[in-house]
Amino acid sequence: MLAVTAVAETLPAACERAYTALKKIQFDGIYYRRDIAHRALQKKG
């Protein structure tokens, strides 16, 4: 297991940074979740 995190002034910016960093990591059988922070990014209504 590998955890990739990022910090930014906004949650969308932090997510973008984390996924940008994740693209630099490659190995056979890699799997990563694409839904992290998804609910927090949705508008509350």
N, C-alpha and C. Protein backbone atom coordinates (compact mmCIF):
# COMPACT_ATOMS: atom_id res chain seq x y z
N MET A 1 0.85 -1.16 0.00
CA MET A 1 0.00 0.00 0.00
C MET A 1 0.89 1.23 0.00
N LEU A 2 0.47 2.21 -0.74
CA LEU A 2 1.18 3.47 -0.84
C LEU A 2 0.16 4.59 -0.73
N ALA A 3 0.40 5.56 0.09
CA ALA A 3 -0.50 6.70 0.25
C ALA A 3 0.12 7.92 -0.42
N VAL A 4 -0.65 8.56 -1.27
CA VAL A 4 -0.20 9.79 -1.93
C VAL A 4 -1.10 10.91 -1.43
N THR A 5 -0.50 11.94 -0.89
CA THR A 5 -1.27 13.07 -0.37
C THR A 5 -0.71 14.36 -0.94
N ALA A 6 -1.51 15.41 -0.84
CA ALA A 6 -1.08 16.72 -1.31
C ALA A 6 -1.78 17.79 -0.48
N VAL A 7 -1.16 18.94 -0.42
CA VAL A 7 -1.70 20.08 0.32
C VAL A 7 -1.80 21.26 -0.64
N ALA A 8 -2.90 21.98 -0.54
CA ALA A 8 -3.11 23.18 -1.35
C ALA A 8 -4.11 24.07 -0.63
N GLU A 9 -4.33 25.24 -1.16
CA GLU A 9 -5.26 26.18 -0.51
C GLU A 9 -6.71 25.75 -0.61
N THR A 10 -7.04 24.92 -1.61
CA THR A 10 -8.41 24.44 -1.76
C THR A 10 -8.39 22.92 -1.93
N LEU A 11 -9.51 22.28 -1.63
CA LEU A 11 -9.61 20.84 -1.79
C LEU A 11 -9.46 20.42 -3.26
N PRO A 12 -10.11 21.10 -4.20
CA PRO A 12 -9.91 20.70 -5.61
C PRO A 12 -8.45 20.80 -6.04
N ALA A 13 -7.75 21.81 -5.60
CA ALA A 13 -6.34 21.96 -5.95
C ALA A 13 -5.50 20.86 -5.33
N ALA A 14 -5.81 20.49 -4.10
CA ALA A 14 -5.07 19.40 -3.45
C ALA A 14 -5.32 18.08 -4.17
N CYS A 15 -6.54 17.84 -4.56
CA CYS A 15 -6.85 16.61 -5.31
C CYS A 15 -6.08 16.59 -6.62
N GLU A 16 -6.07 17.69 -7.31
CA GLU A 16 -5.34 17.76 -8.59
C GLU A 16 -3.85 17.48 -8.38
N ARG A 17 -3.27 18.04 -7.34
CA ARG A 17 -1.85 17.80 -7.05
C ARG A 17 -1.59 16.34 -6.72
N ALA A 18 -2.47 15.74 -5.96
CA ALA A 18 -2.28 14.33 -5.59
C ALA A 18 -2.36 13.43 -6.81
N TYR A 19 -3.33 13.65 -7.68
CA TYR A 19 -3.46 12.82 -8.88
C TYR A 19 -2.33 13.08 -9.86
N THR A 20 -1.81 14.29 -9.91
CA THR A 20 -0.64 14.59 -10.75
C THR A 20 0.57 13.81 -10.25
N ALA A 21 0.76 13.78 -8.94
CA ALA A 21 1.86 13.02 -8.36
C ALA A 21 1.67 11.53 -8.61
N LEU A 22 0.44 11.06 -8.50
CA LEU A 22 0.14 9.65 -8.69
C LEU A 22 0.50 9.18 -10.10
N LYS A 23 0.32 10.04 -11.08
CA LYS A 23 0.65 9.68 -12.47
C LYS A 23 2.13 9.39 -12.66
N LYS A 24 2.96 9.84 -11.75
CA LYS A 24 4.41 9.60 -11.85
C LYS A 24 4.82 8.25 -11.27
N ILE A 25 3.89 7.57 -10.62
CA ILE A 25 4.16 6.27 -10.00
C ILE A 25 3.59 5.18 -10.90
N GLN A 26 4.46 4.27 -11.32
CA GLN A 26 4.01 3.21 -12.21
C GLN A 26 4.61 1.87 -11.79
N PHE A 27 3.77 0.85 -11.78
CA PHE A 27 4.23 -0.52 -11.59
C PHE A 27 3.12 -1.46 -12.05
N ASP A 28 3.49 -2.70 -12.35
CA ASP A 28 2.52 -3.69 -12.81
C ASP A 28 1.43 -3.89 -11.78
N GLY A 29 0.19 -3.93 -12.24
CA GLY A 29 -0.94 -4.20 -11.36
C GLY A 29 -1.38 -3.02 -10.51
N ILE A 30 -0.91 -1.82 -10.83
CA ILE A 30 -1.28 -0.65 -10.03
C ILE A 30 -2.80 -0.45 -10.04
N TYR A 31 -3.32 -0.12 -8.91
CA TYR A 31 -4.74 0.20 -8.77
C TYR A 31 -4.84 1.35 -7.77
N TYR A 32 -5.63 2.32 -8.10
CA TYR A 32 -5.86 3.39 -7.14
C TYR A 32 -7.29 3.88 -7.25
N ARG A 33 -7.79 4.36 -6.14
CA ARG A 33 -9.16 4.87 -6.09
C ARG A 33 -9.21 6.24 -6.73
N ARG A 34 -10.27 6.48 -7.45
CA ARG A 34 -10.47 7.76 -8.10
C ARG A 34 -11.62 8.55 -7.47
N ASP A 35 -12.13 8.05 -6.36
CA ASP A 35 -13.28 8.69 -5.73
C ASP A 35 -12.94 9.38 -4.42
N ILE A 36 -11.67 9.43 -4.07
CA ILE A 36 -11.28 10.06 -2.81
C ILE A 36 -11.65 11.54 -2.87
N ALA A 37 -12.30 12.04 -1.86
CA ALA A 37 -12.75 13.43 -1.73
C ALA A 37 -13.92 13.76 -2.66
N HIS A 38 -14.42 12.78 -3.37
CA HIS A 38 -15.50 13.02 -4.33
C HIS A 38 -16.74 13.63 -3.67
N ARG A 39 -17.15 13.07 -2.54
CA ARG A 39 -18.34 13.59 -1.86
C ARG A 39 -18.10 15.00 -1.33
N ALA A 40 -16.90 15.26 -0.86
CA ALA A 40 -16.59 16.60 -0.32
C ALA A 40 -16.57 17.66 -1.42
N LEU A 41 -16.33 17.24 -2.66
CA LEU A 41 -16.28 18.19 -3.77
C LEU A 41 -17.66 18.50 -4.34
N GLN A 42 -18.65 17.66 -4.02
CA GLN A 42 -20.00 17.89 -4.52
C GLN A 42 -20.63 19.05 -3.78
N LYS A 43 -21.45 19.80 -4.49
CA LYS A 43 -22.17 20.90 -3.84
C LYS A 43 -23.21 20.34 -2.89
N LYS A 44 -23.32 20.96 -1.75
CA LYS A 44 -24.37 20.59 -0.81
C LYS A 44 -25.62 21.37 -1.16
N GLY A 45 -26.73 20.68 -1.20
CA GLY A 45 -27.92 21.40 -1.58
C GLY A 45 -29.09 20.88 -0.97
